Amino acid sequence: MKGIVLAGGLGTRLLPLTKVTNKHLLPIYNQPMVYYPIQTLAAAGIKSVMVVTGGNNADDFKKLLGNGEDFGLEEISYAYQTGEGGIAAALSLAKDFVGSDKVVIILGDNLIEKDIKKFVRSFETQPKGAKIILKEVPDPERFGVPEIKDGKIVNIEEKPKKPKSNYAVTGIYMYDHHVFDIIKTLKPSGRGELEITDVNNAYLKEKTLTHETMEGWWTDAGTSFEALFRASKLIAEKNKRK
């Protein structure tokens, strides 16, 4: 099982903080933001991780993360994304890294309270396909939203004006290597991006998409100053409990 942290983008919603650095290098309480998704993968037993980044600060990730041994990794690789083509486009850069393995992808600004070990173990035994992690939220219109009937997902909509559930698809995705064939078939959305929601719906159409529901809190720290501040508070409280 391989792991990927997607840490690209320009971070324009966090200007001027991101004028001189990548948003995933900003501090969340006592660590750089990108540490948390890497730690999540490592805690799930994943030993080989690729960080996909871009912009003018890509080399800073290598300076910060090195060879990954500080996280207990056996290997950490890097890929460079030109521009902002969406999550699926960033994932496509990792095709050779993933090879024929399964892969767990985490968005670089996604922080969670609990670990994902049981979800990863479940996906390891899944014969093929994909697994997504859901979380009930007060503002699902900000995310990909699953329509659920009889406990099963029947469709996923990206940032719907009228969400059909109170669940969000978190920025944690698990795929088999077939994901790269699916990405090749995608067309850019109205935003000009290859949408990860389209990838998930493709697996859903093939009836190989499974899902789990996350316990504890989940936050995407890089979407606003408020989100950045909230993430630091959550991590501080988590560390205090420990």
C-alpha atoms as a PDB file:
ATOM      1  CA  MET A   1       0.000   0.000   0.000  1.00  0.00           C
ATOM      2  CA  LYS A   2       1.369   3.408  -1.020  1.00  0.00           C
ATOM      3  CA  GLY A   3       0.467   6.830   0.347  1.00  0.00           C
ATOM      4  CA  ILE A   4       0.164  10.205  -1.367  1.00  0.00           C
ATOM      5  CA  VAL A   5      -0.105  13.672   0.143  1.00  0.00           C
ATOM      6  CA  LEU A   6      -1.426  16.289  -2.273  1.00  0.00           C
ATOM      7  CA  ALA A   7       0.156  19.588  -1.270  1.00  0.00           C
ATOM      8  CA  GLY A   8      -0.033  21.750  -4.369  1.00  0.00           C
ATOM      9  CA  GLY A   9      -2.134  24.802  -5.154  1.00  0.00           C
ATOM     10  CA  LEU A  10      -1.443  28.490  -4.808  1.00  0.00           C
ATOM     11  CA  GLY A  11      -3.248  29.065  -1.515  1.00  0.00           C
ATOM     12  CA  THR A  12      -4.705  32.373  -2.676  1.00  0.00           C
ATOM     13  CA  ARG A  13      -7.375  32.328   0.046  1.00  0.00           C
ATOM     14  CA  LEU A  14      -4.599  32.630   2.620  1.00  0.00           C
ATOM     15  CA  LEU A  15      -2.796  35.627   1.140  1.00  0.00           C
ATOM     16  CA  PRO A  16      -0.599  37.355   2.257  1.00  0.00           C
ATOM     17  CA  LEU A  17       0.580  34.362   4.341  1.00  0.00           C
ATOM     18  CA  THR A  18       1.114  32.348   1.162  1.00  0.00           C
ATOM     19  CA  LYS A  19       2.869  35.110  -0.751  1.00  0.00           C
ATOM     20  CA  VAL A  20       6.248  33.663   0.215  1.00  0.00           C
ATOM     21  CA  THR A  21       5.432  30.031   1.035  1.00  0.00           C
ATOM     22  CA  ASN A  22       3.166  27.104   0.210  1.00  0.00           C
ATOM     23  CA  LYS A  23       0.086  26.953   2.457  1.00  0.00           C
ATOM     24  CA  HIS A  24       0.937  23.382   3.494  1.00  0.00           C
ATOM     25  CA  LEU A  25       4.109  24.697   5.116  1.00  0.00           C
ATOM     26  CA  LEU A  26       2.193  27.091   7.368  1.00  0.00           C
ATOM     27  CA  PRO A  27       2.150  26.210  11.069  1.00  0.00           C
ATOM     28  CA  ILE A  28      -0.763  24.407  12.673  1.00  0.00           C
ATOM     29  CA  TYR A  29      -0.116  24.824  16.390  1.00  0.00           C
ATOM     30  CA  ASN A  30       3.394  23.370  16.821  1.00  0.00           C
ATOM     31  CA  GLN A  31       4.027  21.673  13.466  1.00  0.00           C
ATOM     32  CA  PRO A  32       3.907  22.520   9.752  1.00  0.00           C
ATOM     33  CA  MET A  33       0.540  21.643   8.223  1.00  0.00           C
ATOM     34  CA  VAL A  34       1.974  18.951   5.940  1.00  0.00           C
ATOM     35  CA  TYR A  35       3.272  16.963   8.928  1.00  0.00           C
ATOM     36  CA  TYR A  36      -0.230  15.923   9.962  1.00  0.00           C
ATOM     37  CA  PRO A  37      -1.331  14.027   6.818  1.00  0.00           C
ATOM     38  CA  ILE A  38       2.068  12.331   6.632  1.00  0.00           C
ATOM     39  CA  GLN A  39       1.719  11.271  10.268  1.00  0.00           C
ATOM     40  CA  THR A  40      -1.776   9.967   9.506  1.00  0.00           C
ATOM     41  CA  LEU A  41      -0.414   7.743   6.734  1.00  0.00           C
ATOM     42  CA  ALA A  42       2.520   6.561   8.849  1.00  0.00           C
ATOM     43  CA  ALA A  43       0.211   5.719  11.783  1.00  0.00           C
ATOM     44  CA  ALA A  44      -1.826   3.544   9.404  1.00  0.00           C
ATOM     45  CA  GLY A  45       1.264   1.479   8.648  1.00  0.00           C
ATOM     46  CA  ILE A  46       2.099   3.017   5.269  1.00  0.00           C
ATOM     47  CA  LYS A  47       5.851   3.182   4.731  1.00  0.00           C
ATOM     48  CA  SER A  48       6.159   4.623   1.222  1.00  0.00           C
ATOM     49  CA  VAL A  49       4.780   8.127   0.603  1.00  0.00           C
ATOM     50  CA  MET A  50       4.857  10.617  -2.251  1.00  0.00           C
ATOM     51  CA  VAL A  51       4.285  14.348  -1.755  1.00  0.00           C
ATOM     52  CA  VAL A  52       2.847  16.126  -4.800  1.00  0.00           C
ATOM     53  CA  THR A  53       3.432  19.857  -4.689  1.00  0.00           C
ATOM     54  CA  GLY A  54       4.040  22.819  -6.991  1.00  0.00           C
ATOM     55  CA  GLY A  55       4.718  26.540  -7.148  1.00  0.00           C
ATOM     56  CA  ASN A  56       7.896  28.343  -6.160  1.00  0.00           C
ATOM     57  CA  ASN A  57       8.380  26.603  -2.816  1.00  0.00           C
ATOM     58  CA  ALA A  58       8.570  22.964  -3.886  1.00  0.00           C
ATOM     59  CA  ASP A  59      12.191  22.597  -2.761  1.00  0.00           C
ATOM     60  CA  ASP A  60      11.201  23.669   0.744  1.00  0.00           C
ATOM     61  CA  PHE A  61       9.310  20.391   1.176  1.00  0.00           C
ATOM     62  CA  LYS A  62      12.515  18.436   0.611  1.00  0.00           C
ATOM     63  CA  LYS A  63      14.360  20.609   3.124  1.00  0.00           C
ATOM     64  CA  LEU A  64      11.597  20.086   5.674  1.00  0.00           C
ATOM     65  CA  LEU A  65      10.733  16.419   5.166  1.00  0.00           C
ATOM     66  CA  GLY A  66      14.017  14.973   3.955  1.00  0.00           C
ATOM     67  CA  ASN A  67      13.912  11.228   3.338  1.00  0.00           C
ATOM     68  CA  GLY A  68      10.957  10.657   5.648  1.00  0.00           C
ATOM     69  CA  GLU A  69      12.834   8.809   8.390  1.00  0.00           C
ATOM     70  CA  ASP A  70      11.614  11.254  11.038  1.00  0.00           C
ATOM     71  CA  PHE A  71       8.103   9.953  10.352  1.00  0.00           C
ATOM     72  CA  GLY A  72       9.083   6.300  10.383  1.00  0.00           C
ATOM     73  CA  LEU A  73       8.852   6.032   6.609  1.00  0.00           C
ATOM     74  CA  GLU A  74      11.051   3.836   4.463  1.00  0.00           C
ATOM     75  CA  GLU A  75      10.714   6.141   1.468  1.00  0.00           C
ATOM     76  CA  ILE A  76       9.436   9.589   0.625  1.00  0.00           C
ATOM     77  CA  SER A  77       9.248  10.776  -2.979  1.00  0.00           C
ATOM     78  CA  TYR A  78       8.312  14.075  -4.556  1.00  0.00           C
ATOM     79  CA  ALA A  79       6.420  15.091  -7.677  1.00  0.00           C
ATOM     80  CA  TYR A  80       5.910  18.558  -9.133  1.00  0.00           C
ATOM     81  CA  GLN A  81       2.533  19.758 -10.417  1.00  0.00           C
ATOM     82  CA  THR A  82       2.465  22.622 -12.891  1.00  0.00           C
ATOM     83  CA  GLY A  83      -0.522  24.916 -12.388  1.00  0.00           C
ATOM     84  CA  GLU A  84      -3.763  23.914 -10.701  1.00  0.00           C
ATOM     85  CA  GLY A  85      -5.456  21.120 -12.609  1.00  0.00           C
ATOM     86  CA  GLY A  86      -7.418  19.638  -9.745  1.00  0.00           C
ATOM     87  CA  ILE A  87      -6.975  16.729  -7.363  1.00  0.00           C
ATOM     88  CA  ALA A  88      -7.298  14.065 -10.049  1.00  0.00           C
ATOM     89  CA  ALA A  89      -4.685  15.764 -12.218  1.00  0.00           C
ATOM     90  CA  ALA A  90      -2.279  15.908  -9.276  1.00  0.00           C
ATOM     91  CA  LEU A  91      -2.899  12.238  -8.543  1.00  0.00           C
ATOM     92  CA  SER A  92      -2.080  11.289 -12.140  1.00  0.00           C
ATOM     93  CA  LEU A  93       1.525  12.387 -11.536  1.00  0.00           C
ATOM     94  CA  ALA A  94       1.960   9.485  -9.113  1.00  0.00           C
ATOM     95  CA  LYS A  95       1.150   6.702 -11.579  1.00  0.00           C
ATOM     96  CA  ASP A  96       4.686   5.276 -11.744  1.00  0.00           C
ATOM     97  CA  PHE A  97       5.106   5.624  -7.982  1.00  0.00           C
ATOM     98  CA  VAL A  98       1.937   3.651  -7.269  1.00  0.00           C
ATOM     99  CA  GLY A  99       2.506   0.999  -9.936  1.00  0.00           C
ATOM    100  CA  SER A 100       0.202  -1.969  -9.368  1.00  0.00           C
ATOM    101  CA  ASP A 101      -0.287  -1.228  -5.657  1.00  0.00           C
ATOM    102  CA  LYS A 102      -3.282   0.235  -3.889  1.00  0.00           C
ATOM    103  CA  VAL A 103      -2.952   3.810  -2.669  1.00  0.00           C
ATOM    104  CA  VAL A 104      -4.260   6.078   0.085  1.00  0.00           C
ATOM    105  CA  ILE A 105      -4.462   9.768  -0.819  1.00  0.00           C
ATOM    106  CA  ILE A 106      -4.798  12.591   1.689  1.00  0.00           C
ATOM    107  CA  LEU A 107      -5.170  16.262   0.874  1.00  0.00           C
ATOM    108  CA  GLY A 108      -2.343  18.155   2.505  1.00  0.00           C
ATOM    109  CA  ASP A 109      -4.614  20.450   4.507  1.00  0.00           C
ATOM    110  CA  ASN A 110      -6.813  17.686   5.946  1.00  0.00           C
ATOM    111  CA  LEU A 111      -6.388  17.037   9.675  1.00  0.00           C
ATOM    112  CA  ILE A 112      -8.248  14.431  11.710  1.00  0.00           C
ATOM    113  CA  GLU A 113      -8.666  13.565  15.376  1.00  0.00           C
ATOM    114  CA  LYS A 114      -8.588   9.771  15.090  1.00  0.00           C
ATOM    115  CA  ASP A 115      -6.451   7.482  12.932  1.00  0.00           C
ATOM    116  CA  ILE A 116      -7.479   5.724   9.717  1.00  0.00           C
ATOM    117  CA  LYS A 117      -5.833   2.391  10.409  1.00  0.00           C
ATOM    118  CA  LYS A 118      -9.072   0.371  10.439  1.00  0.00           C
ATOM    119  CA  PHE A 119     -10.202   1.952   7.159  1.00  0.00           C
ATOM    120  CA  VAL A 120      -6.876   1.146   5.502  1.00  0.00           C
ATOM    121  CA  ARG A 121      -6.965  -2.444   6.771  1.00  0.00           C
ATOM    122  CA  SER A 122     -10.508  -2.821   5.449  1.00  0.00           C
ATOM    123  CA  PHE A 123      -9.463  -1.517   2.043  1.00  0.00           C
ATOM    124  CA  GLU A 124      -6.499  -3.878   1.931  1.00  0.00           C
ATOM    125  CA  THR A 125      -8.922  -6.814   2.036  1.00  0.00           C
ATOM    126  CA  GLN A 126     -11.273  -5.245  -0.528  1.00  0.00           C
ATOM    127  CA  PRO A 127     -10.710  -7.152  -3.798  1.00  0.00           C
ATOM    128  CA  LYS A 128     -10.749  -4.054  -6.001  1.00  0.00           C
ATOM    129  CA  GLY A 129     -12.195  -0.591  -6.378  1.00  0.00           C
ATOM    130  CA  ALA A 130     -12.181   2.411  -4.067  1.00  0.00           C
ATOM    131  CA  LYS A 131     -13.110   3.511  -0.573  1.00  0.00           C
ATOM    132  CA  ILE A 132     -14.083   7.001   0.603  1.00  0.00           C
ATOM    133  CA  ILE A 133     -14.461   8.346   4.123  1.00  0.00           C
ATOM    134  CA  LEU A 134     -17.538  10.381   5.036  1.00  0.00           C
ATOM    135  CA  LYS A 135     -18.109  12.851   7.838  1.00  0.00           C
ATOM    136  CA  GLU A 136     -21.345  14.535   8.911  1.00  0.00           C
ATOM    137  CA  VAL A 137     -20.897  18.323   8.687  1.00  0.00           C
ATOM    138  CA  PRO A 138     -23.019  21.459   9.181  1.00  0.00           C
ATOM    139  CA  ASP A 139     -22.060  22.894   5.760  1.00  0.00           C
ATOM    140  CA  PRO A 140     -22.018  20.040   3.227  1.00  0.00           C
ATOM    141  CA  GLU A 141     -22.461  22.449   0.296  1.00  0.00           C
ATOM    142  CA  ARG A 142     -18.735  23.203   0.573  1.00  0.00           C
ATOM    143  CA  PHE A 143     -17.750  19.648  -0.299  1.00  0.00           C
ATOM    144  CA  GLY A 144     -18.497  16.621  -2.398  1.00  0.00           C
ATOM    145  CA  VAL A 145     -21.804  15.324  -1.015  1.00  0.00           C
ATOM    146  CA  PRO A 146     -23.070  11.743  -1.258  1.00  0.00           C
ATOM    147  CA  GLU A 147     -26.704  10.935  -1.887  1.00  0.00           C
ATOM    148  CA  ILE A 148     -27.446   7.931   0.302  1.00  0.00           C
ATOM    149  CA  LYS A 149     -30.360   5.521  -0.035  1.00  0.00           C
ATOM    150  CA  ASP A 150     -30.813   2.427   2.142  1.00  0.00           C
ATOM    151  CA  GLY A 151     -27.303   2.905   3.492  1.00  0.00           C
ATOM    152  CA  LYS A 152     -25.728   2.940   0.039  1.00  0.00           C
ATOM    153  CA  ILE A 153     -24.263   5.837  -1.941  1.00  0.00           C
ATOM    154  CA  VAL A 154     -26.127   6.300  -5.218  1.00  0.00           C
ATOM    155  CA  ASN A 155     -24.426   9.500  -6.409  1.00  0.00           C
ATOM    156  CA  ILE A 156     -21.920  12.146  -5.349  1.00  0.00           C
ATOM    157  CA  GLU A 157     -22.334  15.824  -6.197  1.00  0.00           C
ATOM    158  CA  GLU A 158     -19.534  18.373  -6.048  1.00  0.00           C
ATOM    159  CA  LYS A 159     -20.419  21.454  -3.970  1.00  0.00           C
ATOM    160  CA  PRO A 160     -24.197  21.208  -4.558  1.00  0.00           C
ATOM    161  CA  LYS A 161     -26.406  24.208  -3.836  1.00  0.00           C
ATOM    162  CA  LYS A 162     -28.987  21.859  -2.330  1.00  0.00           C
ATOM    163  CA  PRO A 163     -27.116  18.972  -0.681  1.00  0.00           C
ATOM    164  CA  LYS A 164     -28.932  15.628  -0.598  1.00  0.00           C
ATOM    165  CA  SER A 165     -27.342  14.635   2.710  1.00  0.00           C
ATOM    166  CA  ASN A 166     -25.445  16.189   5.602  1.00  0.00           C
ATOM    167  CA  TYR A 167     -22.334  14.181   4.818  1.00  0.00           C
ATOM    168  CA  ALA A 168     -19.150  15.382   3.175  1.00  0.00           C
ATOM    169  CA  VAL A 169     -16.614  13.269   1.338  1.00  0.00           C
ATOM    170  CA  THR A 170     -13.445  13.966   3.283  1.00  0.00           C
ATOM    171  CA  GLY A 171     -10.102  14.514   1.606  1.00  0.00           C
ATOM    172  CA  ILE A 172      -9.047  10.907   2.210  1.00  0.00           C
ATOM    173  CA  TYR A 173      -9.395   8.573  -0.769  1.00  0.00           C
ATOM    174  CA  MET A 174      -8.351   4.952  -1.304  1.00  0.00           C
ATOM    175  CA  TYR A 175      -7.991   3.507  -4.800  1.00  0.00           C
ATOM    176  CA  ASP A 176      -6.649   0.527  -6.660  1.00  0.00           C
ATOM    177  CA  HIS A 177      -4.338   1.181  -9.622  1.00  0.00           C
ATOM    178  CA  HIS A 178      -7.363   1.318 -11.962  1.00  0.00           C
ATOM    179  CA  VAL A 179      -7.755   4.931 -10.833  1.00  0.00           C
ATOM    180  CA  PHE A 180      -5.205   6.040 -13.418  1.00  0.00           C
ATOM    181  CA  ASP A 181      -7.277   4.517 -16.232  1.00  0.00           C
ATOM    182  CA  ILE A 182     -10.296   6.413 -14.926  1.00  0.00           C
ATOM    183  CA  ILE A 183      -8.402   9.713 -14.773  1.00  0.00           C
ATOM    184  CA  LYS A 184      -7.522   9.365 -18.466  1.00  0.00           C
ATOM    185  CA  THR A 185     -11.239   9.397 -19.310  1.00  0.00           C
ATOM    186  CA  LEU A 186     -12.074  12.570 -17.355  1.00  0.00           C
ATOM    187  CA  LYS A 187     -12.907  15.909 -18.899  1.00  0.00           C
ATOM    188  CA  PRO A 188     -12.328  19.240 -17.123  1.00  0.00           C
ATOM    189  CA  SER A 189     -15.270  20.553 -15.141  1.00  0.00           C
ATOM    190  CA  GLY A 190     -16.663  24.067 -15.297  1.00  0.00           C
ATOM    191  CA  ARG A 191     -13.811  25.056 -13.000  1.00  0.00           C
ATOM    192  CA  GLY A 192     -11.322  23.785 -15.563  1.00  0.00           C
ATOM    193  CA  GLU A 193     -10.209  20.958 -13.266  1.00  0.00           C
ATOM    194  CA  LEU A 194     -10.270  17.168 -13.286  1.00  0.00           C
ATOM    195  CA  GLU A 195     -12.607  16.528 -10.378  1.00  0.00           C
ATOM    196  CA  ILE A 196     -11.998  13.771  -7.849  1.00  0.00           C
ATOM    197  CA  THR A 197     -15.788  13.504  -7.492  1.00  0.00           C
ATOM    198  CA  ASP A 198     -15.891  12.262 -11.091  1.00  0.00           C
ATOM    199  CA  VAL A 199     -13.349   9.580 -10.177  1.00  0.00           C
ATOM    200  CA  ASN A 200     -15.474   8.466  -7.232  1.00  0.00           C
ATOM    201  CA  ASN A 201     -18.631   8.396  -9.346  1.00  0.00           C
ATOM    202  CA  ALA A 202     -16.826   6.264 -11.934  1.00  0.00           C
ATOM    203  CA  TYR A 203     -16.051   3.670  -9.259  1.00  0.00           C
ATOM    204  CA  LEU A 204     -19.642   3.990  -8.042  1.00  0.00           C
ATOM    205  CA  LYS A 205     -20.895   3.230 -11.545  1.00  0.00           C
ATOM    206  CA  GLU A 206     -18.690   0.130 -11.582  1.00  0.00           C
ATOM    207  CA  LYS A 207     -20.186  -0.854  -8.187  1.00  0.00           C
ATOM    208  CA  THR A 208     -16.752  -1.062  -6.572  1.00  0.00           C
ATOM    209  CA  LEU A 209     -16.956   2.014  -4.327  1.00  0.00           C
ATOM    210  CA  THR A 210     -17.270   1.424  -0.589  1.00  0.00           C
ATOM    211  CA  HIS A 211     -17.490   3.971   2.212  1.00  0.00           C
ATOM    212  CA  GLU A 212     -16.916   4.385   5.924  1.00  0.00           C
ATOM    213  CA  THR A 213     -17.950   7.100   8.355  1.00  0.00           C
ATOM    214  CA  MET A 214     -15.318   8.911  10.368  1.00  0.00           C
ATOM    215  CA  GLU A 215     -15.460   9.375  14.128  1.00  0.00           C
ATOM    216  CA  GLY A 216     -13.967  12.403  15.842  1.00  0.00           C
ATOM    217  CA  TRP A 217     -13.340  15.749  14.208  1.00  0.00           C
ATOM    218  CA  TRP A 218     -12.092  16.447  10.693  1.00  0.00           C
ATOM    219  CA  THR A 219     -11.078  19.793   9.255  1.00  0.00           C
ATOM    220  CA  ASP A 220      -9.609  21.180   6.052  1.00  0.00           C
ATOM    221  CA  ALA A 221      -7.213  23.723   7.497  1.00  0.00           C
ATOM    222  CA  GLY A 222      -6.197  25.545   4.340  1.00  0.00           C
ATOM    223  CA  THR A 223      -9.468  27.013   3.110  1.00  0.00           C
ATOM    224  CA  SER A 224      -9.576  30.240   5.143  1.00  0.00           C
ATOM    225  CA  PHE A 225      -7.948  32.096   8.037  1.00  0.00           C
ATOM    226  CA  GLU A 226     -10.763  30.862  10.275  1.00  0.00           C
ATOM    227  CA  ALA A 227     -10.074  27.255   9.255  1.00  0.00           C
ATOM    228  CA  LEU A 228      -6.357  27.732   9.909  1.00  0.00           C
ATOM    229  CA  PHE A 229      -7.056  29.109  13.375  1.00  0.00           C
ATOM    230  CA  ARG A 230      -9.637  26.408  14.167  1.00  0.00           C
ATOM    231  CA  ALA A 231      -7.218  23.653  13.170  1.00  0.00           C
ATOM    232  CA  SER A 232      -4.573  25.012  15.523  1.00  0.00           C
ATOM    233  CA  LYS A 233      -7.090  25.069  18.381  1.00  0.00           C
ATOM    234  CA  LEU A 234      -8.187  21.498  17.678  1.00  0.00           C
ATOM    235  CA  ILE A 235      -4.614  20.223  17.595  1.00  0.00           C
ATOM    236  CA  ALA A 236      -3.738  22.125  20.767  1.00  0.00           C
ATOM    237  CA  GLU A 237      -6.721  20.583  22.561  1.00  0.00           C
ATOM    238  CA  LYS A 238      -5.831  17.113  21.229  1.00  0.00           C
ATOM    239  CA  ASN A 239      -2.253  17.444  22.455  1.00  0.00           C
ATOM    240  CA  LYS A 240      -3.431  18.699  25.831  1.00  0.00           C
ATOM    241  CA  ARG A 241      -5.634  15.611  26.285  1.00  0.00           C
ATOM    242  CA  LYS A 242      -2.663  13.391  25.566  1.00  0.00           C
END
